[in-house]
C-alpha cells in the first residue's frame, strides 16, 4: 500500500512540476528576445534580419535557442526532483 501511495505522490509532484514548468517556460521564452534586445541597444535585430544579415540572425537564434534549452533543462530537473521526492 505504501508503494502505491508513493507512486501517486510522485505522479502528483511530477504533474504539478510540469504545469509550473510549462508556465515558466512560456513566460521566459517570450521574455528572452526582449532581454537580448536590451543587451544590444544599438542593433535592431529585426531590421538586420529583414535586410538579410545572416550573422545577426545566426547569433540571435543560437543565443535565444541555447537559453531556452537551458531553461528546459532546469525545469526537467525540477520535475525529476518532484518524482524523486514523491518516491521517498
N, C-alpha and C. Protein backbone atom coordinates (compact mmCIF):
# COMPACT_ATOMS: atom_id res chain seq x y z
N UNK A 1 0.82 -1.19 0.00
CA UNK A 1 0.00 0.00 0.00
C UNK A 1 0.87 1.27 0.00
N UNK A 2 1.98 1.23 0.76
CA UNK A 2 2.87 2.39 0.81
C UNK A 2 3.48 2.69 -0.55
N UNK A 3 3.77 1.64 -1.29
CA UNK A 3 4.35 1.82 -2.62
C UNK A 3 3.37 2.54 -3.54
N UNK A 4 2.11 2.17 -3.49
CA UNK A 4 1.10 2.82 -4.32
C UNK A 4 0.93 4.28 -3.94
N UNK A 5 0.94 4.57 -2.66
CA UNK A 5 0.83 5.96 -2.20
C UNK A 5 2.03 6.76 -2.67
N UNK A 6 3.22 6.18 -2.57
CA UNK A 6 4.43 6.88 -3.04
C UNK A 6 4.38 7.14 -4.54
N UNK A 7 3.88 6.18 -5.29
CA UNK A 7 3.77 6.37 -6.74
C UNK A 7 2.76 7.47 -7.06
N UNK A 8 1.65 7.50 -6.35
CA UNK A 8 0.65 8.55 -6.56
C UNK A 8 1.21 9.93 -6.20
N UNK A 9 1.97 10.02 -5.10
CA UNK A 9 2.59 11.30 -4.75
C UNK A 9 3.62 11.72 -5.80
N UNK A 10 4.37 10.77 -6.31
CA UNK A 10 5.33 11.08 -7.37
C UNK A 10 4.61 11.59 -8.61
N UNK A 11 3.47 11.00 -8.93
CA UNK A 11 2.68 11.45 -10.07
C UNK A 11 2.15 12.87 -9.83
N UNK A 12 1.67 13.12 -8.63
CA UNK A 12 1.17 14.47 -8.31
C UNK A 12 2.30 15.50 -8.39
N UNK A 13 3.44 15.19 -7.80
CA UNK A 13 4.57 16.12 -7.82
C UNK A 13 5.06 16.36 -9.24
N UNK A 14 5.12 15.30 -10.05
CA UNK A 14 5.62 15.49 -11.41
C UNK A 14 4.63 16.27 -12.26
N UNK A 15 3.34 16.03 -12.11
CA UNK A 15 2.35 16.81 -12.85
C UNK A 15 2.34 18.27 -12.43
N UNK A 16 2.43 18.51 -11.13
CA UNK A 16 2.48 19.88 -10.64
C UNK A 16 3.75 20.58 -11.13
N UNK A 17 4.86 19.88 -11.08
CA UNK A 17 6.12 20.44 -11.58
C UNK A 17 6.06 20.70 -13.07
N UNK A 18 5.40 19.81 -13.81
CA UNK A 18 5.28 20.01 -15.26
C UNK A 18 4.41 21.21 -15.58
N UNK A 19 3.33 21.38 -14.87
CA UNK A 19 2.44 22.53 -15.11
C UNK A 19 3.16 23.84 -14.80
N UNK A 20 3.82 23.88 -13.66
CA UNK A 20 4.58 25.08 -13.30
C UNK A 20 5.72 25.29 -14.29
N UNK A 21 6.37 24.21 -14.69
CA UNK A 21 7.47 24.31 -15.65
C UNK A 21 7.02 24.83 -17.00
N UNK A 22 5.87 24.38 -17.47
CA UNK A 22 5.35 24.87 -18.75
C UNK A 22 5.05 26.36 -18.66
N UNK A 23 4.47 26.79 -17.55
CA UNK A 23 4.17 28.21 -17.37
C UNK A 23 5.46 29.04 -17.35
N UNK A 24 6.44 28.59 -16.61
CA UNK A 24 7.72 29.30 -16.54
C UNK A 24 8.40 29.31 -17.90
N UNK A 25 8.34 28.20 -18.62
CA UNK A 25 8.95 28.11 -19.94
C UNK A 25 8.32 29.10 -20.92
N UNK A 26 7.01 29.17 -20.94
CA UNK A 26 6.33 30.08 -21.86
C UNK A 26 6.65 31.53 -21.51
N UNK A 27 6.63 31.86 -20.23
CA UNK A 27 6.95 33.24 -19.82
C UNK A 27 8.39 33.59 -20.17
N UNK A 28 9.32 32.70 -19.89
CA UNK A 28 10.72 33.02 -20.16
C UNK A 28 11.02 33.03 -21.66
N UNK A 29 10.39 32.15 -22.42
CA UNK A 29 10.62 32.14 -23.87
C UNK A 29 10.08 33.41 -24.52
N UNK A 30 9.05 33.99 -23.95
CA UNK A 30 8.53 35.24 -24.51
C UNK A 30 9.34 36.45 -24.06
N UNK A 31 10.02 36.34 -22.94
CA UNK A 31 10.80 37.47 -22.42
C UNK A 31 12.26 37.47 -22.90
N UNK A 32 12.78 36.33 -23.31
CA UNK A 32 14.19 36.25 -23.72
C UNK A 32 14.55 37.15 -24.89
N UNK A 33 13.75 37.20 -25.95
CA UNK A 33 14.12 38.12 -27.04
C UNK A 33 14.17 39.59 -26.59
N UNK A 34 13.26 39.98 -25.71
CA UNK A 34 13.28 41.35 -25.19
C UNK A 34 14.54 41.59 -24.36
N UNK A 35 14.95 40.60 -23.62
CA UNK A 35 16.15 40.73 -22.81
C UNK A 35 17.38 40.93 -23.69
N UNK A 36 17.49 40.15 -24.76
CA UNK A 36 18.64 40.28 -25.64
C UNK A 36 18.58 41.55 -26.48
N UNK A 37 17.39 42.07 -26.72
CA UNK A 37 17.28 43.37 -27.38
C UNK A 37 17.87 44.47 -26.49
N UNK A 38 17.66 44.35 -25.18
CA UNK A 38 18.22 45.34 -24.26
C UNK A 38 19.73 45.21 -24.12
N UNK A 39 20.26 44.01 -24.34
CA UNK A 39 21.71 43.83 -24.26
C UNK A 39 22.43 44.47 -25.44
N UNK A 40 21.75 44.58 -26.56
CA UNK A 40 22.33 45.20 -27.76
C UNK A 40 21.45 46.38 -28.19
N UNK A 41 21.54 47.50 -27.47
CA UNK A 41 20.63 48.62 -27.76
C UNK A 41 20.90 49.30 -29.10
N UNK A 42 22.10 49.23 -29.64
CA UNK A 42 22.41 49.92 -30.89
C UNK A 42 22.12 49.09 -32.13
N UNK A 43 21.69 47.86 -31.93
CA UNK A 43 21.41 46.98 -33.06
C UNK A 43 19.93 46.59 -33.02
N UNK A 44 19.23 46.87 -34.10
CA UNK A 44 17.85 46.42 -34.22
C UNK A 44 17.86 45.09 -34.96
N UNK A 45 17.72 44.01 -34.19
CA UNK A 45 17.85 42.68 -34.77
C UNK A 45 16.79 42.43 -35.84
N UNK A 46 15.59 42.92 -35.64
CA UNK A 46 14.53 42.71 -36.62
C UNK A 46 14.86 43.33 -37.96
N UNK A 47 15.37 44.55 -37.95
CA UNK A 47 15.74 45.22 -39.21
C UNK A 47 16.92 44.52 -39.87
N UNK A 48 17.89 44.13 -39.06
CA UNK A 48 19.06 43.46 -39.63
C UNK A 48 18.70 42.11 -40.25
N UNK A 49 17.81 41.39 -39.62
CA UNK A 49 17.37 40.12 -40.18
C UNK A 49 16.57 40.35 -41.46
N UNK A 50 15.73 41.40 -41.47
CA UNK A 50 14.95 41.73 -42.68
C UNK A 50 15.87 42.16 -43.82
N UNK A 51 17.00 42.79 -43.51
CA UNK A 51 17.96 43.19 -44.53
C UNK A 51 18.74 42.00 -45.09
N UNK A 52 18.66 40.89 -44.43
CA UNK A 52 19.37 39.70 -44.90
C UNK A 52 20.70 39.47 -44.22
N UNK A 53 20.92 40.14 -43.11
CA UNK A 53 22.17 39.98 -42.36
C UNK A 53 22.10 38.65 -41.62
N UNK A 54 22.72 37.63 -42.20
CA UNK A 54 22.61 36.29 -41.60
C UNK A 54 23.44 36.15 -40.33
N UNK A 55 24.47 36.97 -40.16
CA UNK A 55 25.28 36.88 -38.95
C UNK A 55 24.45 37.23 -37.72
N UNK A 56 23.63 38.27 -37.83
CA UNK A 56 22.78 38.66 -36.70
C UNK A 56 21.74 37.59 -36.43
N UNK A 57 21.14 37.07 -37.50
CA UNK A 57 20.10 36.06 -37.28
C UNK A 57 20.69 34.77 -36.71
N UNK A 58 21.88 34.39 -37.15
CA UNK A 58 22.52 33.20 -36.59
C UNK A 58 22.84 33.38 -35.12
N UNK A 59 23.44 34.51 -34.78
CA UNK A 59 23.80 34.78 -33.38
C UNK A 59 22.56 34.84 -32.51
N UNK A 60 21.59 35.61 -32.96
CA UNK A 60 20.36 35.81 -32.19
C UNK A 60 19.64 34.48 -31.98
N UNK A 61 19.53 33.70 -33.05
CA UNK A 61 18.86 32.41 -32.95
C UNK A 61 19.58 31.43 -32.04
N UNK A 62 20.90 31.42 -32.13
CA UNK A 62 21.68 30.49 -31.28
C UNK A 62 21.62 30.88 -29.82
N UNK A 63 21.71 32.18 -29.53
CA UNK A 63 21.70 32.60 -28.13
C UNK A 63 20.33 32.38 -27.50
N UNK A 64 19.27 32.77 -28.21
CA UNK A 64 17.93 32.57 -27.66
C UNK A 64 17.61 31.07 -27.57
N UNK A 65 18.00 30.30 -28.58
CA UNK A 65 17.76 28.86 -28.55
C UNK A 65 18.50 28.17 -27.42
N UNK A 66 19.75 28.55 -27.20
CA UNK A 66 20.53 27.97 -26.09
C UNK A 66 19.92 28.34 -24.74
N UNK A 67 19.43 29.55 -24.63
CA UNK A 67 18.80 29.97 -23.37
C UNK A 67 17.54 29.16 -23.10
N UNK A 68 16.75 28.94 -24.14
CA UNK A 68 15.52 28.16 -23.98
C UNK A 68 15.85 26.71 -23.62
N UNK A 69 16.88 26.14 -24.22
CA UNK A 69 17.29 24.78 -23.86
C UNK A 69 17.76 24.73 -22.40
N UNK A 70 18.51 25.75 -21.97
CA UNK A 70 18.95 25.81 -20.58
C UNK A 70 17.79 25.87 -19.60
N UNK A 71 16.79 26.68 -19.91
CA UNK A 71 15.62 26.77 -19.05
C UNK A 71 14.87 25.45 -19.03
N UNK A 72 14.80 24.78 -20.18
CA UNK A 72 14.13 23.48 -20.24
C UNK A 72 14.84 22.44 -19.38
N UNK A 73 16.16 22.47 -19.37
CA UNK A 73 16.91 21.53 -18.52
C UNK A 73 16.66 21.79 -17.04
N UNK A 74 16.57 23.05 -16.66
CA UNK A 74 16.29 23.37 -15.26
C UNK A 74 14.89 22.88 -14.87
N UNK A 75 13.92 23.07 -15.75
CA UNK A 75 12.56 22.62 -15.47
C UNK A 75 12.52 21.09 -15.40
N UNK A 76 13.25 20.42 -16.28
CA UNK A 76 13.28 18.96 -16.25
C UNK A 76 13.89 18.46 -14.93
N UNK A 77 14.90 19.15 -14.44
CA UNK A 77 15.49 18.76 -13.17
C UNK A 77 14.50 18.95 -12.02
N UNK A 78 13.70 20.01 -12.10
CA UNK A 78 12.70 20.24 -11.06
C UNK A 78 11.63 19.15 -11.08
N UNK A 79 11.20 18.74 -12.26
CA UNK A 79 10.20 17.67 -12.36
C UNK A 79 10.79 16.36 -11.85
N UNK A 80 12.03 16.07 -12.22
CA UNK A 80 12.68 14.85 -11.74
C UNK A 80 12.85 14.89 -10.21
N UNK A 81 13.15 16.06 -9.67
CA UNK A 81 13.24 16.19 -8.23
C UNK A 81 11.90 15.91 -7.56
N UNK A 82 10.81 16.35 -8.20
CA UNK A 82 9.48 16.06 -7.66
C UNK A 82 9.18 14.57 -7.67
N UNK A 83 9.58 13.90 -8.72
CA UNK A 83 9.36 12.46 -8.79
C UNK A 83 10.16 11.74 -7.70
N UNK A 84 11.41 12.15 -7.55
CA UNK A 84 12.26 11.51 -6.52
C UNK A 84 11.71 11.79 -5.13
N UNK A 85 11.24 13.02 -4.90
CA UNK A 85 10.67 13.35 -3.59
C UNK A 85 9.42 12.55 -3.31
N UNK A 86 8.62 12.32 -4.36
CA UNK A 86 7.40 11.54 -4.16
C UNK A 86 7.67 10.07 -3.89
N UNK A 87 8.78 9.56 -4.39
CA UNK A 87 9.07 8.15 -4.19
C UNK A 87 9.78 7.85 -2.87
N UNK A 88 10.16 8.89 -2.14
CA UNK A 88 10.83 8.64 -0.85
C UNK A 88 9.90 8.80 0.27
